[in-house]
N, C-alpha and C. Protein backbone atom coordinates (compact mmCIF):
# COMPACT_ATOMS: atom_id res chain seq x y z
N MET A 1 -37.33 40.49 -12.52
CA MET A 1 -36.05 41.29 -11.92
C MET A 1 -34.69 40.41 -12.96
N PHE A 2 -33.37 40.92 -13.24
CA PHE A 2 -32.97 40.60 -14.33
C PHE A 2 -31.59 40.14 -13.89
N GLU A 3 -31.22 40.02 -12.47
CA GLU A 3 -30.44 39.31 -11.83
C GLU A 3 -29.97 37.94 -12.63
N GLY A 4 -28.84 37.67 -12.79
CA GLY A 4 -27.85 36.39 -13.16
C GLY A 4 -27.41 36.65 -14.70
N TYR A 5 -27.83 37.84 -15.28
CA TYR A 5 -27.23 38.16 -16.49
C TYR A 5 -25.95 38.26 -16.19
N ALA A 6 -24.93 37.29 -17.14
CA ALA A 6 -23.40 37.25 -17.11
C ALA A 6 -23.10 38.46 -18.18
N PHE A 7 -22.22 39.15 -17.84
CA PHE A 7 -21.85 40.02 -18.69
C PHE A 7 -19.84 40.26 -18.81
N LYS A 8 -19.50 40.81 -19.83
CA LYS A 8 -18.11 40.53 -19.57
C LYS A 8 -16.97 42.05 -19.35
N TYR A 9 -16.47 41.76 -18.27
CA TYR A 9 -15.72 43.14 -17.96
C TYR A 9 -15.41 44.26 -18.96
N GLY A 10 -15.35 45.41 -18.83
CA GLY A 10 -15.92 46.30 -20.00
C GLY A 10 -16.87 46.29 -21.27
N GLU A 11 -17.93 45.47 -21.18
CA GLU A 11 -19.27 45.65 -21.63
C GLU A 11 -19.89 46.70 -21.52
N THR A 12 -20.68 46.92 -22.38
CA THR A 12 -21.56 47.88 -22.12
C THR A 12 -22.90 47.63 -21.79
N THR A 13 -23.64 48.15 -20.89
CA THR A 13 -24.64 47.05 -20.38
C THR A 13 -25.86 48.74 -20.03
N GLU A 14 -26.67 48.02 -19.87
CA GLU A 14 -27.88 49.10 -19.04
C GLU A 14 -28.01 48.85 -17.44
N MET A 15 -28.14 49.09 -16.91
CA MET A 15 -28.45 49.34 -15.54
C MET A 15 -29.47 50.36 -14.46
N SER A 16 -30.27 49.31 -13.98
CA SER A 16 -31.29 50.36 -13.10
C SER A 16 -31.22 49.75 -11.44
N ASP A 17 -31.56 50.81 -11.02
CA ASP A 17 -32.22 50.49 -9.58
C ASP A 17 -33.63 50.14 -9.58
N ASP A 18 -34.55 50.48 -10.46
CA ASP A 18 -36.01 50.37 -9.98
C ASP A 18 -36.33 49.40 -10.76
N GLY A 19 -35.49 49.01 -12.33
CA GLY A 19 -36.24 48.24 -13.14
C GLY A 19 -36.70 49.19 -14.13
N GLU A 20 -37.44 50.54 -14.23
CA GLU A 20 -37.83 51.27 -15.31
C GLU A 20 -36.92 52.48 -15.64
N GLN A 21 -36.38 52.95 -15.10
CA GLN A 21 -35.60 53.91 -15.45
C GLN A 21 -34.35 53.39 -15.79
N TRP A 22 -33.21 53.06 -16.90
CA TRP A 22 -32.26 52.59 -17.39
C TRP A 22 -31.08 53.67 -17.94
N GLU A 23 -30.14 52.85 -17.50
CA GLU A 23 -28.77 53.77 -18.27
C GLU A 23 -27.55 53.18 -18.65
N ARG A 24 -27.01 53.51 -19.94
CA ARG A 24 -25.97 52.64 -20.29
C ARG A 24 -24.75 52.82 -18.91
N LYS A 25 -24.09 51.93 -18.96
CA LYS A 25 -22.87 51.98 -17.70
C LYS A 25 -21.84 50.85 -19.03
N ILE A 26 -20.93 50.65 -17.97
CA ILE A 26 -19.49 49.91 -18.66
C ILE A 26 -19.60 48.50 -16.96
N TYR A 27 -19.69 47.43 -17.56
CA TYR A 27 -19.90 46.81 -16.35
C TYR A 27 -18.28 46.30 -16.10
N VAL A 28 -18.17 46.14 -14.71
CA VAL A 28 -16.89 45.69 -14.47
C VAL A 28 -17.04 44.64 -13.17
N GLY A 29 -17.97 44.24 -12.58
CA GLY A 29 -18.28 43.09 -11.65
C GLY A 29 -19.35 43.03 -11.17
N TYR A 30 -19.32 41.77 -10.32
CA TYR A 30 -20.93 41.07 -9.47
C TYR A 30 -20.39 41.06 -8.41
N ILE A 31 -21.45 41.36 -7.17
CA ILE A 31 -21.41 41.08 -5.80
C ILE A 31 -22.18 39.90 -5.67
N ASP A 32 -21.94 39.08 -5.56
CA ASP A 32 -22.66 37.74 -5.19
C ASP A 32 -23.56 38.05 -4.08
N GLY A 33 -24.84 38.09 -4.21
CA GLY A 33 -25.70 38.41 -3.04
C GLY A 33 -25.60 39.53 -2.33
N ALA A 34 -25.14 40.62 -2.69
CA ALA A 34 -25.36 41.98 -2.66
C ALA A 34 -27.26 42.46 -2.95
N ASP A 35 -27.46 43.48 -2.38
CA ASP A 35 -28.55 43.75 -2.83
C ASP A 35 -28.93 45.08 -4.18
N ARG A 36 -27.08 45.44 -4.21
CA ARG A 36 -26.76 46.06 -5.65
C ARG A 36 -25.95 45.53 -6.27
N PRO A 37 -25.92 44.13 -6.78
CA PRO A 37 -25.17 43.57 -7.15
C PRO A 37 -24.00 43.47 -8.72
N TYR A 38 -24.47 44.57 -9.11
CA TYR A 38 -24.00 44.82 -10.88
C TYR A 38 -22.83 46.34 -10.38
N VAL A 39 -21.39 46.16 -10.46
CA VAL A 39 -20.59 47.08 -10.22
C VAL A 39 -20.24 47.47 -11.70
N CYS A 40 -20.51 48.73 -11.92
CA CYS A 40 -19.94 49.36 -12.92
C CYS A 40 -19.63 50.49 -13.52
N VAL A 41 -19.14 51.36 -14.23
CA VAL A 41 -18.25 52.69 -14.65
C VAL A 41 -19.42 53.64 -14.44
N ASP A 42 -19.22 54.89 -13.48
CA ASP A 42 -20.35 55.63 -13.94
C ASP A 42 -20.04 56.40 -15.33
N SER A 43 -21.01 57.10 -15.60
CA SER A 43 -21.20 57.29 -17.01
C SER A 43 -20.34 58.95 -17.19
N THR A 44 -19.98 59.17 -16.17
CA THR A 44 -19.15 60.51 -16.13
C THR A 44 -17.51 59.90 -16.34
N ASP A 45 -17.64 59.03 -16.02
CA ASP A 45 -16.03 58.52 -16.13
C ASP A 45 -15.45 57.30 -17.10
N GLU A 46 -16.54 57.20 -18.10
CA GLU A 46 -16.27 56.41 -18.88
C GLU A 46 -14.97 56.48 -19.76
N SER A 47 -14.81 57.45 -20.08
CA SER A 47 -13.59 57.86 -21.13
C SER A 47 -12.37 57.37 -20.15
N ARG A 48 -12.44 57.94 -18.79
CA ARG A 48 -11.51 56.98 -17.99
C ARG A 48 -10.96 56.00 -17.87
N PHE A 49 -12.08 55.33 -18.41
CA PHE A 49 -12.27 53.45 -18.20
C PHE A 49 -11.54 53.35 -19.52
N ASP A 50 -11.64 54.14 -20.34
CA ASP A 50 -11.26 53.55 -21.98
C ASP A 50 -9.73 53.72 -21.96
N THR A 51 -9.11 54.91 -21.40
CA THR A 51 -7.83 55.30 -21.63
C THR A 51 -6.82 54.19 -20.26
N GLY A 52 -7.81 53.84 -19.39
CA GLY A 52 -7.03 53.05 -18.27
C GLY A 52 -6.83 53.70 -16.89
N LYS A 53 -7.00 54.73 -17.00
CA LYS A 53 -6.93 55.80 -15.71
C LYS A 53 -8.01 55.16 -14.56
N ASN A 54 -7.92 56.09 -13.97
CA ASN A 54 -8.40 55.69 -12.31
C ASN A 54 -9.70 55.89 -12.73
N PHE A 55 -11.01 55.35 -12.52
CA PHE A 55 -12.30 55.97 -12.71
C PHE A 55 -13.07 55.29 -11.59
N ALA A 56 -14.52 56.28 -11.53
CA ALA A 56 -15.04 56.07 -10.17
C ALA A 56 -16.21 54.89 -10.48
N ILE A 57 -16.94 54.31 -9.98
CA ILE A 57 -17.70 52.87 -9.67
C ILE A 57 -18.96 53.24 -9.08
N GLY A 58 -19.96 52.53 -9.41
CA GLY A 58 -21.64 52.63 -8.81
C GLY A 58 -21.98 50.96 -8.69
N THR A 59 -22.60 51.20 -8.12
CA THR A 59 -23.73 49.76 -7.82
C THR A 59 -24.76 49.78 -8.63
N TRP A 60 -25.43 48.94 -9.07
CA TRP A 60 -26.97 49.00 -9.68
C TRP A 60 -27.46 47.42 -9.25
N ARG A 61 -29.05 47.85 -8.96
CA ARG A 61 -29.66 46.51 -8.54
C ARG A 61 -29.91 45.16 -9.78
N TYR A 62 -29.95 46.19 -10.93
CA TYR A 62 -30.64 45.50 -12.24
C TYR A 62 -29.82 45.63 -13.24
N ALA A 63 -29.85 44.38 -14.03
CA ALA A 63 -28.89 45.04 -15.04
C ALA A 63 -29.66 44.30 -16.58
N ARG A 64 -29.25 44.76 -18.11
CA ARG A 64 -29.81 43.38 -18.97
C ARG A 64 -28.64 44.07 -20.32
N PRO A 65 -28.57 43.43 -21.19
CA PRO A 65 -28.20 43.74 -22.33
C PRO A 65 -28.64 44.77 -23.14
N VAL A 66 -27.77 45.47 -23.69
CA VAL A 66 -27.93 46.61 -24.33
C VAL A 66 -28.77 46.05 -25.51
N PRO A 67 -30.11 46.54 -25.98
CA PRO A 67 -30.84 46.10 -27.24
C PRO A 67 -29.92 47.01 -28.42
N LYS A 68 -29.64 45.66 -29.39
CA LYS A 68 -29.12 45.86 -30.56
C LYS A 68 -29.84 45.88 -31.80
N HIS A 69 -31.26 45.69 -31.52
CA HIS A 69 -31.82 45.15 -32.76
C HIS A 69 -33.58 45.52 -31.97
N THR A 70 -34.45 45.76 -33.20
CA THR A 70 -35.51 46.51 -32.89
C THR A 70 -36.58 45.68 -33.42
N ILE A 71 -37.65 45.03 -32.91
CA ILE A 71 -38.83 44.04 -33.45
C ILE A 71 -40.00 44.96 -33.24
N ILE A 72 -40.98 45.23 -34.16
CA ILE A 72 -42.20 45.80 -33.70
C ILE A 72 -43.09 44.71 -33.63
N ILE A 73 -44.36 44.88 -32.49
CA ILE A 73 -45.07 43.73 -32.28
C ILE A 73 -46.62 44.83 -32.00
N ASP A 74 -47.63 44.47 -32.70
CA ASP A 74 -48.72 45.01 -32.61
C ASP A 74 -48.43 46.83 -32.64
N GLY A 75 -47.53 47.41 -33.73
CA GLY A 75 -46.99 49.09 -33.71
C GLY A 75 -46.06 49.09 -32.63
N ILE A 76 -45.79 48.49 -31.43
CA ILE A 76 -44.92 49.08 -30.55
C ILE A 76 -43.28 48.48 -31.10
N GLU A 77 -42.38 49.39 -31.01
CA GLU A 77 -41.12 48.98 -31.05
C GLU A 77 -40.53 48.49 -29.65
N ILE A 78 -39.95 47.47 -30.04
CA ILE A 78 -39.06 46.64 -28.84
C ILE A 78 -38.01 46.34 -29.00
N GLY A 79 -36.83 47.14 -28.09
CA GLY A 79 -35.32 46.75 -28.55
C GLY A 79 -35.23 44.96 -27.62
N VAL A 80 -34.01 44.42 -28.41
CA VAL A 80 -33.88 43.20 -28.00
C VAL A 80 -32.50 42.78 -28.35
N SER A 81 -31.71 42.43 -27.24
CA SER A 81 -30.60 41.94 -27.81
C SER A 81 -30.10 40.77 -28.78
N ASP A 82 -28.91 40.74 -29.48
CA ASP A 82 -28.50 39.60 -30.23
C ASP A 82 -29.38 38.43 -29.97
N GLY A 83 -28.81 38.00 -28.53
CA GLY A 83 -29.26 36.32 -28.69
C GLY A 83 -31.15 36.42 -29.02
N VAL A 84 -31.77 37.03 -28.11
CA VAL A 84 -33.36 37.53 -28.23
C VAL A 84 -33.31 37.87 -29.48
N TYR A 85 -32.57 38.37 -30.35
CA TYR A 85 -33.22 38.58 -31.91
C TYR A 85 -32.94 37.35 -33.03
N LYS A 86 -31.92 36.62 -32.52
CA LYS A 86 -31.69 35.57 -33.30
C LYS A 86 -32.30 34.32 -32.77
N ALA A 87 -32.66 34.33 -31.45
CA ALA A 87 -33.43 33.11 -31.06
C ALA A 87 -35.36 33.03 -31.76
N LEU A 88 -35.49 34.54 -31.93
CA LEU A 88 -36.84 35.21 -32.41
C LEU A 88 -36.93 34.59 -34.17
N LYS A 89 -35.85 35.12 -34.72
CA LYS A 89 -35.81 34.95 -36.30
C LYS A 89 -35.56 33.35 -36.30
N GLU A 90 -34.89 32.50 -35.69
CA GLU A 90 -34.90 31.08 -36.00
C GLU A 90 -36.11 30.73 -35.62
N HIS A 91 -37.14 30.98 -34.71
CA HIS A 91 -38.41 30.23 -34.31
C HIS A 91 -39.30 30.56 -35.21
N LEU A 92 -38.90 31.82 -35.69
CA LEU A 92 -40.18 32.38 -36.62
C LEU A 92 -39.69 31.92 -38.00
N CYS A 93 -38.60 32.21 -38.66
CA CYS A 93 -38.15 32.02 -40.20
C CYS A 93 -37.50 30.74 -40.33
N GLY A 94 -37.18 29.97 -39.25
CA GLY A 94 -36.44 28.85 -40.15
C GLY A 94 -35.06 29.14 -39.79
N GLY A 95 -34.30 30.31 -39.58
CA GLY A 95 -32.83 30.43 -39.78
C GLY A 95 -33.05 31.93 -40.09
């Protein structure tokens, strides 16, 4: 479960209802205690969000940062966020 991630308004994130199929969305808010706590802009309205026009929102159960780096472990590519990448690099390479 990925609940607990904190995002900034307007940040691009990945959202999912089942934890397996992910879609990129723009984060706009969090509903504390809800079954689908993450509120984001539907992908069809992302351009409207960018221009400040009215946009449709949807809610999602899970959220995670968009992977910005790729690491390879045993031949498998894994996407990781900046924070995870920096922590791994510091731990494995000493900085």
